[in-house]
């Protein structure tokens, strides 16, 4: 896919839609924090396939083969789920 450098990771956002207890579907960007790690650098503290929480608006959006990804520095990853 892509080899990442300098503690950067390639992320694919997981489903942004959430359903409230009352059945309301929300697609707000504030929910777009859960991502799957698609590629990492060799020095990265996360591994491919990890699901992480990230800060919103800190990465670089790219599109490859019609799929949207985000490149993000590992400093902006909040947690590994």
PDB file of N, CA and C in Angstrom:
ATOM      1  N   UNK A   1       0.833  -1.189   0.000  1.00  0.00           N
ATOM      2  CA  UNK A   1       0.000   0.000   0.000  1.00  0.00           C
ATOM      3  C   UNK A   1       0.874   1.247   0.000  1.00  0.00           C
ATOM      4  N   UNK A   2       1.407   1.608   1.148  1.00  0.00           N
ATOM      5  CA  UNK A   2       2.226   2.808   1.265  1.00  0.00           C
ATOM      6  C   UNK A   2       3.126   2.631   2.483  1.00  0.00           C
ATOM      7  N   UNK A   3       4.388   2.998   2.361  1.00  0.00           N
ATOM      8  CA  UNK A   3       5.282   2.929   3.507  1.00  0.00           C
ATOM      9  C   UNK A   3       5.366   4.314   4.133  1.00  0.00           C
ATOM     10  N   UNK A   4       5.050   4.406   5.405  1.00  0.00           N
ATOM     11  CA  UNK A   4       5.034   5.683   6.103  1.00  0.00           C
ATOM     12  C   UNK A   4       6.407   5.954   6.708  1.00  0.00           C
ATOM     13  N   UNK A   5       6.735   7.227   6.874  1.00  0.00           N
ATOM     14  CA  UNK A   5       8.028   7.639   7.407  1.00  0.00           C
ATOM     15  C   UNK A   5       7.827   8.498   8.655  1.00  0.00           C
ATOM     16  N   UNK A   6       8.859   8.588   9.485  1.00  0.00           N
ATOM     17  CA  UNK A   6       8.931   9.547  10.592  1.00  0.00           C
ATOM     18  C   UNK A   6       7.727   9.550  11.524  1.00  0.00           C
ATOM     19  N   UNK A   7       7.316   8.408  12.002  1.00  0.00           N
ATOM     20  CA  UNK A   7       6.205   8.294  12.965  1.00  0.00           C
ATOM     21  C   UNK A   7       4.854   8.764  12.417  1.00  0.00           C
ATOM     22  N   UNK A   8       4.675   8.712  11.126  1.00  0.00           N
ATOM     23  CA  UNK A   8       3.368   9.006  10.545  1.00  0.00           C
ATOM     24  C   UNK A   8       2.639   7.691  10.288  1.00  0.00           C
ATOM     25  N   UNK A   9       1.306   7.753  10.334  1.00  0.00           N
ATOM     26  CA  UNK A   9       0.477   6.581  10.076  1.00  0.00           C
ATOM     27  C   UNK A   9      -0.573   6.935   9.041  1.00  0.00           C
ATOM     28  N   UNK A  10      -1.023   5.921   8.317  1.00  0.00           N
ATOM     29  CA  UNK A  10      -2.105   6.064   7.355  1.00  0.00           C
ATOM     30  C   UNK A  10      -3.356   5.492   8.008  1.00  0.00           C
ATOM     31  N   UNK A  11      -4.393   6.322   8.134  1.00  0.00           N
ATOM     32  CA  UNK A  11      -5.610   5.922   8.827  1.00  0.00           C
ATOM     33  C   UNK A  11      -6.798   5.905   7.884  1.00  0.00           C
ATOM     34  N   UNK A  12      -7.717   4.996   8.153  1.00  0.00           N
ATOM     35  CA  UNK A  12      -8.999   4.953   7.445  1.00  0.00           C
ATOM     36  C   UNK A  12     -10.080   5.105   8.502  1.00  0.00           C
ATOM     37  N   UNK A  13     -10.878   6.159   8.365  1.00  0.00           N
ATOM     38  CA  UNK A  13     -11.933   6.392   9.353  1.00  0.00           C
ATOM     39  C   UNK A  13     -12.949   5.275   9.325  1.00  0.00           C
ATOM     40  N   UNK A  14     -13.351   4.867  10.500  1.00  0.00           N
ATOM     41  CA  UNK A  14     -14.428   3.894  10.627  1.00  0.00           C
ATOM     42  C   UNK A  14     -15.746   4.652  10.594  1.00  0.00           C
ATOM     43  N   UNK A  15     -16.823   3.948  10.495  1.00  0.00           N
ATOM     44  CA  UNK A  15     -18.148   4.540  10.348  1.00  0.00           C
ATOM     45  C   UNK A  15     -18.358   5.726  11.274  1.00  0.00           C
ATOM     46  N   UNK A  16     -18.681   6.888  10.681  1.00  0.00           N
ATOM     47  CA  UNK A  16     -18.921   8.098  11.458  1.00  0.00           C
ATOM     48  C   UNK A  16     -20.303   8.121  12.081  1.00  0.00           C
ATOM     49  N   UNK A  17     -21.224   7.388  11.510  1.00  0.00           N
ATOM     50  CA  UNK A  17     -22.598   7.442  12.014  1.00  0.00           C
ATOM     51  C   UNK A  17     -22.698   6.801  13.387  1.00  0.00           C
ATOM     52  N   UNK A  18     -23.368   7.487  14.277  1.00  0.00           N
ATOM     53  CA  UNK A  18     -23.691   6.926  15.575  1.00  0.00           C
ATOM     54  C   UNK A  18     -25.186   7.082  15.779  1.00  0.00           C
ATOM     55  N   UNK A  19     -25.740   6.201  16.530  1.00  0.00           N
ATOM     56  CA  UNK A  19     -27.176   6.246  16.800  1.00  0.00           C
ATOM     57  C   UNK A  19     -27.369   6.521  18.282  1.00  0.00           C
ATOM     58  N   UNK A  20     -28.082   7.587  18.575  1.00  0.00           N
ATOM     59  CA  UNK A  20     -28.342   7.941  19.972  1.00  0.00           C
ATOM     60  C   UNK A  20     -29.321   6.946  20.571  1.00  0.00           C
ATOM     61  N   UNK A  21     -29.435   6.925  21.904  1.00  0.00           N
ATOM     62  CA  UNK A  21     -30.399   6.023  22.535  1.00  0.00           C
ATOM     63  C   UNK A  21     -31.832   6.249  22.042  1.00  0.00           C
ATOM     64  N   UNK A  22     -32.124   7.474  21.575  1.00  0.00           N
ATOM     65  CA  UNK A  22     -33.457   7.775  21.062  1.00  0.00           C
ATOM     66  C   UNK A  22     -33.629   7.420  19.592  1.00  0.00           C
ATOM     67  N   UNK A  23     -32.576   6.869  18.960  1.00  0.00           N
ATOM     68  CA  UNK A  23     -32.666   6.450  17.563  1.00  0.00           C
ATOM     69  C   UNK A  23     -32.265   7.514  16.551  1.00  0.00           C
ATOM     70  N   UNK A  24     -31.672   8.628  17.012  1.00  0.00           N
ATOM     71  CA  UNK A  24     -31.257   9.695  16.105  1.00  0.00           C
ATOM     72  C   UNK A  24     -29.870   9.357  15.565  1.00  0.00           C
ATOM     73  N   UNK A  25     -29.711   9.410  14.238  1.00  0.00           N
ATOM     74  CA  UNK A  25     -28.421   9.120  13.604  1.00  0.00           C
ATOM     75  C   UNK A  25     -27.649  10.425  13.493  1.00  0.00           C
ATOM     76  N   UNK A  26     -26.425  10.436  14.032  1.00  0.00           N
ATOM     77  CA  UNK A  26     -25.575  11.621  13.986  1.00  0.00           C
ATOM     78  C   UNK A  26     -24.383  11.354  13.082  1.00  0.00           C
ATOM     79  N   UNK A  27     -24.033  12.306  12.237  1.00  0.00           N
ATOM     80  CA  UNK A  27     -22.864  12.145  11.372  1.00  0.00           C
ATOM     81  C   UNK A  27     -21.891  13.301  11.574  1.00  0.00           C
ATOM     82  N   UNK A  28     -21.952  13.960  12.693  1.00  0.00           N
ATOM     83  CA  UNK A  28     -21.110  15.109  12.988  1.00  0.00           C
ATOM     84  C   UNK A  28     -19.635  14.718  12.974  1.00  0.00           C
ATOM     85  N   UNK A  29     -18.776  15.668  12.560  1.00  0.00           N
ATOM     86  CA  UNK A  29     -17.333  15.425  12.539  1.00  0.00           C
ATOM     87  C   UNK A  29     -16.784  15.126  13.928  1.00  0.00           C
ATOM     88  N   UNK A  30     -17.468  15.592  14.971  1.00  0.00           N
ATOM     89  CA  UNK A  30     -16.947  15.322  16.309  1.00  0.00           C
ATOM     90  C   UNK A  30     -16.952  13.835  16.627  1.00  0.00           C
ATOM     91  N   UNK A  31     -17.695  13.056  15.865  1.00  0.00           N
ATOM     92  CA  UNK A  31     -17.714  11.608  16.069  1.00  0.00           C
ATOM     93  C   UNK A  31     -16.670  10.908  15.214  1.00  0.00           C
ATOM     94  N   UNK A  32     -16.045  11.617  14.260  1.00  0.00           N
ATOM     95  CA  UNK A  32     -15.104  11.000  13.333  1.00  0.00           C
ATOM     96  C   UNK A  32     -13.724  10.829  13.902  1.00  0.00           C
ATOM     97  N   UNK A  33     -13.613  10.201  15.041  1.00  0.00           N
ATOM     98  CA  UNK A  33     -12.327  10.046  15.708  1.00  0.00           C
ATOM     99  C   UNK A  33     -11.811   8.615  15.707  1.00  0.00           C
ATOM    100  N   UNK A  34     -12.638   7.650  15.377  1.00  0.00           N
ATOM    101  CA  UNK A  34     -12.254   6.240  15.440  1.00  0.00           C
ATOM    102  C   UNK A  34     -11.750   5.807  14.065  1.00  0.00           C
ATOM    103  N   UNK A  35     -10.516   5.298  14.018  1.00  0.00           N
ATOM    104  CA  UNK A  35      -9.885   4.935  12.749  1.00  0.00           C
ATOM    105  C   UNK A  35      -9.151   3.607  12.858  1.00  0.00           C
ATOM    106  N   UNK A  36      -8.989   2.978  11.698  1.00  0.00           N
ATOM    107  CA  UNK A  36      -8.158   1.784  11.614  1.00  0.00           C
ATOM    108  C   UNK A  36      -6.820   2.180  11.013  1.00  0.00           C
ATOM    109  N   UNK A  37      -5.742   1.674  11.583  1.00  0.00           N
ATOM    110  CA  UNK A  37      -4.395   1.947  11.082  1.00  0.00           C
ATOM    111  C   UNK A  37      -4.152   1.053   9.877  1.00  0.00           C
ATOM    112  N   UNK A  38      -3.884   1.671   8.722  1.00  0.00           N
ATOM    113  CA  UNK A  38      -3.680   0.927   7.489  1.00  0.00           C
ATOM    114  C   UNK A  38      -2.193   0.714   7.181  1.00  0.00           C
ATOM    115  N   UNK A  39      -1.347   1.686   7.562  1.00  0.00           N
ATOM    116  CA  UNK A  39       0.096   1.582   7.330  1.00  0.00           C
ATOM    117  C   UNK A  39       0.808   2.414   8.387  1.00  0.00           C
ATOM    118  N   UNK A  40       2.010   1.981   8.778  1.00  0.00           N
ATOM    119  CA  UNK A  40       2.777   2.698   9.800  1.00  0.00           C
ATOM    120  C   UNK A  40       4.232   2.799   9.377  1.00  0.00           C
ATOM    121  N   UNK A  41       4.956   3.653  10.097  1.00  0.00           N
ATOM    122  CA  UNK A  41       6.410   3.676   9.928  1.00  0.00           C
ATOM    123  C   UNK A  41       7.002   2.586  10.816  1.00  0.00           C
ATOM    124  N   UNK A  42       8.248   2.281  10.612  1.00  0.00           N
ATOM    125  CA  UNK A  42       8.896   1.237  11.412  1.00  0.00           C
ATOM    126  C   UNK A  42       9.012   1.636  12.883  1.00  0.00           C
ATOM    127  N   UNK A  43       9.092   2.939  13.163  1.00  0.00           N
ATOM    128  CA  UNK A  43       9.268   3.435  14.528  1.00  0.00           C
ATOM    129  C   UNK A  43       7.942   3.657  15.248  1.00  0.00           C
ATOM    130  N   UNK A  44       6.836   3.449  14.588  1.00  0.00           N
ATOM    131  CA  UNK A  44       5.523   3.792  15.126  1.00  0.00           C
ATOM    132  C   UNK A  44       5.140   2.935  16.332  1.00  0.00           C
ATOM    133  N   UNK A  45       4.500   3.553  17.337  1.00  0.00           N
ATOM    134  CA  UNK A  45       4.032   2.785  18.500  1.00  0.00           C
ATOM    135  C   UNK A  45       2.737   2.002  18.228  1.00  0.00           C
ATOM    136  N   UNK A  46       2.120   2.218  17.080  1.00  0.00           N
ATOM    137  CA  UNK A  46       0.912   1.472  16.709  1.00  0.00           C
ATOM    138  C   UNK A  46       1.241   0.537  15.562  1.00  0.00           C
ATOM    139  N   UNK A  47       0.378  -0.455  15.353  1.00  0.00           N
ATOM    140  CA  UNK A  47       0.606  -1.443  14.299  1.00  0.00           C
ATOM    141  C   UNK A  47      -0.552  -1.425  13.313  1.00  0.00           C
ATOM    142  N   UNK A  48      -0.293  -1.925  12.113  1.00  0.00           N
ATOM    143  CA  UNK A  48      -1.357  -2.053  11.121  1.00  0.00           C
ATOM    144  C   UNK A  48      -2.478  -2.895  11.700  1.00  0.00           C
ATOM    145  N   UNK A  49      -3.712  -2.461  11.492  1.00  0.00           N
ATOM    146  CA  UNK A  49      -4.866  -3.183  11.994  1.00  0.00           C
ATOM    147  C   UNK A  49      -5.373  -2.676  13.334  1.00  0.00           C
ATOM    148  N   UNK A  50      -4.548  -1.890  14.059  1.00  0.00           N
ATOM    149  CA  UNK A  50      -5.013  -1.314  15.321  1.00  0.00           C
ATOM    150  C   UNK A  50      -6.166  -0.350  15.054  1.00  0.00           C
ATOM    151  N   UNK A  51      -7.082  -0.253  16.008  1.00  0.00           N
ATOM    152  CA  UNK A  51      -8.143   0.755  15.960  1.00  0.00           C
ATOM    153  C   UNK A  51      -7.764   1.814  16.980  1.00  0.00           C
ATOM    154  N   UNK A  52      -7.738   3.071  16.540  1.00  0.00           N
ATOM    155  CA  UNK A  52      -7.271   4.158  17.395  1.00  0.00           C
ATOM    156  C   UNK A  52      -8.294   5.293  17.446  1.00  0.00           C
ATOM    157  N   UNK A  53      -8.163   6.118  18.479  1.00  0.00           N
ATOM    158  CA  UNK A  53      -8.891   7.378  18.563  1.00  0.00           C
ATOM    159  C   UNK A  53      -7.893   8.473  18.245  1.00  0.00           C
ATOM    160  N   UNK A  54      -8.313   9.459  17.450  1.00  0.00           N
ATOM    161  CA  UNK A  54      -7.406  10.515  17.019  1.00  0.00           C
ATOM    162  C   UNK A  54      -8.015  11.880  17.272  1.00  0.00           C
ATOM    163  N   UNK A  55      -7.153  12.895  17.288  1.00  0.00           N
ATOM    164  CA  UNK A  55      -7.628  14.270  17.309  1.00  0.00           C
ATOM    165  C   UNK A  55      -8.153  14.607  15.919  1.00  0.00           C
ATOM    166  N   UNK A  56      -9.227  15.349  15.850  1.00  0.00           N
ATOM    167  CA  UNK A  56      -9.835  15.719  14.566  1.00  0.00           C
ATOM    168  C   UNK A  56      -9.142  16.955  14.012  1.00  0.00           C
ATOM    169  N   UNK A  57      -8.913  16.969  12.701  1.00  0.00           N
ATOM    170  CA  UNK A  57      -8.389  18.145  12.025  1.00  0.00           C
ATOM    171  C   UNK A  57      -6.890  18.316  12.087  1.00  0.00           C
ATOM    172  N   UNK A  58      -6.152  17.292  12.452  1.00  0.00           N
ATOM    173  CA  UNK A  58      -4.699  17.409  12.581  1.00  0.00           C
ATOM    174  C   UNK A  58      -3.945  16.742  11.436  1.00  0.00           C
ATOM    175  N   UNK A  59      -4.619  15.963  10.605  1.00  0.00           N
ATOM    176  CA  UNK A  59      -3.937  15.187   9.579  1.00  0.00           C
ATOM    177  C   UNK A  59      -4.084  15.759   8.185  1.00  0.00           C
ATOM    178  N   UNK A  60      -3.599  14.998   7.214  1.00  0.00           N
ATOM    179  CA  UNK A  60      -3.682  15.343   5.803  1.00  0.00           C
ATOM    180  C   UNK A  60      -4.564  14.316   5.113  1.00  0.00           C
ATOM    181  N   UNK A  61      -5.645  14.782   4.495  1.00  0.00           N
ATOM    182  CA  UNK A  61      -6.570  13.889   3.800  1.00  0.00           C
ATOM    183  C   UNK A  61      -6.039  13.558   2.413  1.00  0.00           C
ATOM    184  N   UNK A  62      -6.109  12.272   2.054  1.00  0.00           N
ATOM    185  CA  UNK A  62      -5.725  11.843   0.703  1.00  0.00           C
ATOM    186  C   UNK A  62      -6.753  10.826   0.215  1.00  0.00           C
ATOM    187  N   UNK A  63      -6.750  10.587  -1.090  1.00  0.00           N
ATOM    188  CA  UNK A  63      -7.630   9.573  -1.664  1.00  0.00           C
ATOM    189  C   UNK A  63      -6.799   8.682  -2.576  1.00  0.00           C
ATOM    190  N   UNK A  64      -6.933   7.364  -2.377  1.00  0.00           N
ATOM    191  CA  UNK A  64      -6.242   6.390  -3.219  1.00  0.00           C
ATOM    192  C   UNK A  64      -7.246   5.344  -3.651  1.00  0.00           C
ATOM    193  N   UNK A  65      -7.321   5.090  -4.929  1.00  0.00           N
ATOM    194  CA  UNK A  65      -8.231   4.089  -5.488  1.00  0.00           C
ATOM    195  C   UNK A  65      -9.675   4.316  -5.039  1.00  0.00           C
ATOM    196  N   UNK A  66     -10.069   5.584  -4.925  1.00  0.00           N
ATOM    197  CA  UNK A  66     -11.434   5.922  -4.548  1.00  0.00           C
ATOM    198  C   UNK A  66     -11.750   5.797  -3.074  1.00  0.00           C
ATOM    199  N   UNK A  67     -10.735   5.513  -2.248  1.00  0.00           N
ATOM    200  CA  UNK A  67     -10.938   5.377  -0.806  1.00  0.00           C
ATOM    201  C   UNK A  67     -10.250   6.553  -0.111  1.00  0.00           C
ATOM    202  N   UNK A  68     -10.936   7.170   0.862  1.00  0.00           N
ATOM    203  CA  UNK A  68     -10.385   8.319   1.581  1.00  0.00           C
ATOM    204  C   UNK A  68      -9.596   7.843   2.793  1.00  0.00           C
ATOM    205  N   UNK A  69      -8.390   8.407   2.955  1.00  0.00           N
ATOM    206  CA  UNK A  69      -7.508   8.104   4.064  1.00  0.00           C
ATOM    207  C   UNK A  69      -7.025   9.410   4.686  1.00  0.00           C
ATOM    208  N   UNK A  70      -6.369   9.289   5.821  1.00  0.00           N
ATOM    209  CA  UNK A  70      -5.757  10.439   6.464  1.00  0.00           C
ATOM    210  C   UNK A  70      -4.358  10.053   6.926  1.00  0.00           C
ATOM    211  N   UNK A  71      -3.390  10.926   6.676  1.00  0.00           N
ATOM    212  CA  UNK A  71      -2.036  10.741   7.173  1.00  0.00           C
ATOM    213  C   UNK A  71      -1.921  11.595   8.430  1.00  0.00           C
ATOM    214  N   UNK A  72      -1.464  10.972   9.523  1.00  0.00           N
ATOM    215  CA  UNK A  72      -1.446  11.648  10.816  1.00  0.00           C
ATOM    216  C   UNK A  72      -0.174  11.272  11.567  1.00  0.00           C
ATOM    217  N   UNK A  73       0.397  12.216  12.276  1.00  0.00           N
ATOM    218  CA  UNK A  73       1.560  11.915  13.121  1.00  0.00           C
ATOM    219  C   UNK A  73       1.068  11.196  14.366  1.00  0.00           C
ATOM    220  N   UNK A  74       1.860  10.260  14.855  1.00  0.00           N
ATOM    221  CA  UNK A  74       1.431   9.461  16.008  1.00  0.00           C
ATOM    222  C   UNK A  74       1.221  10.304  17.268  1.00  0.00           C
ATOM    223  N   UNK A  75       1.789  11.502  17.332  1.00  0.00           N
ATOM    224  CA  UNK A  75       1.557  12.379  18.490  1.00  0.00           C
ATOM    225  C   UNK A  75       0.085  12.758  18.628  1.00  0.00           C
ATOM    226  N   UNK A  76      -0.665  12.686  17.541  1.00  0.00           N
ATOM    227  CA  UNK A  76      -2.070  13.091  17.560  1.00  0.00           C
ATOM    228  C   UNK A  76      -3.024  11.905  17.766  1.00  0.00           C
ATOM    229  N   UNK A  77      -2.464  10.735  18.013  1.00  0.00           N
ATOM    230  CA  UNK A  77      -3.306   9.585  18.363  1.00  0.00           C
ATOM    231  C   UNK A  77      -3.544   9.624  19.870  1.00  0.00           C
ATOM    232  N   UNK A  78      -4.801   9.588  20.258  1.00  0.00           N
ATOM    233  CA  UNK A  78      -5.182   9.701  21.664  1.00  0.00           C
ATOM    234  C   UNK A  78      -5.087   8.356  22.372  1.00  0.00           C
ATOM    235  N   UNK A  79      -5.551   7.285  21.720  1.00  0.00           N
ATOM    236  CA  UNK A  79      -5.601   5.981  22.380  1.00  0.00           C
ATOM    237  C   UNK A  79      -5.671   4.863  21.357  1.00  0.00           C
ATOM    238  N   UNK A  80      -5.200   3.693  21.735  1.00  0.00           N
ATOM    239  CA  UNK A  80      -5.387   2.481  20.953  1.00  0.00           C
ATOM    240  C   UNK A  80      -6.544   1.731  21.617  1.00  0.00           C
ATOM    241  N   UNK A  81      -7.542   1.374  20.838  1.00  0.00           N
ATOM    242  CA  UNK A  81      -8.733   0.707  21.395  1.00  0.00           C
ATOM    243  C   UNK A  81      -8.522  -0.802  21.348  1.00  0.00           C
TER     244      UNK A  81
END
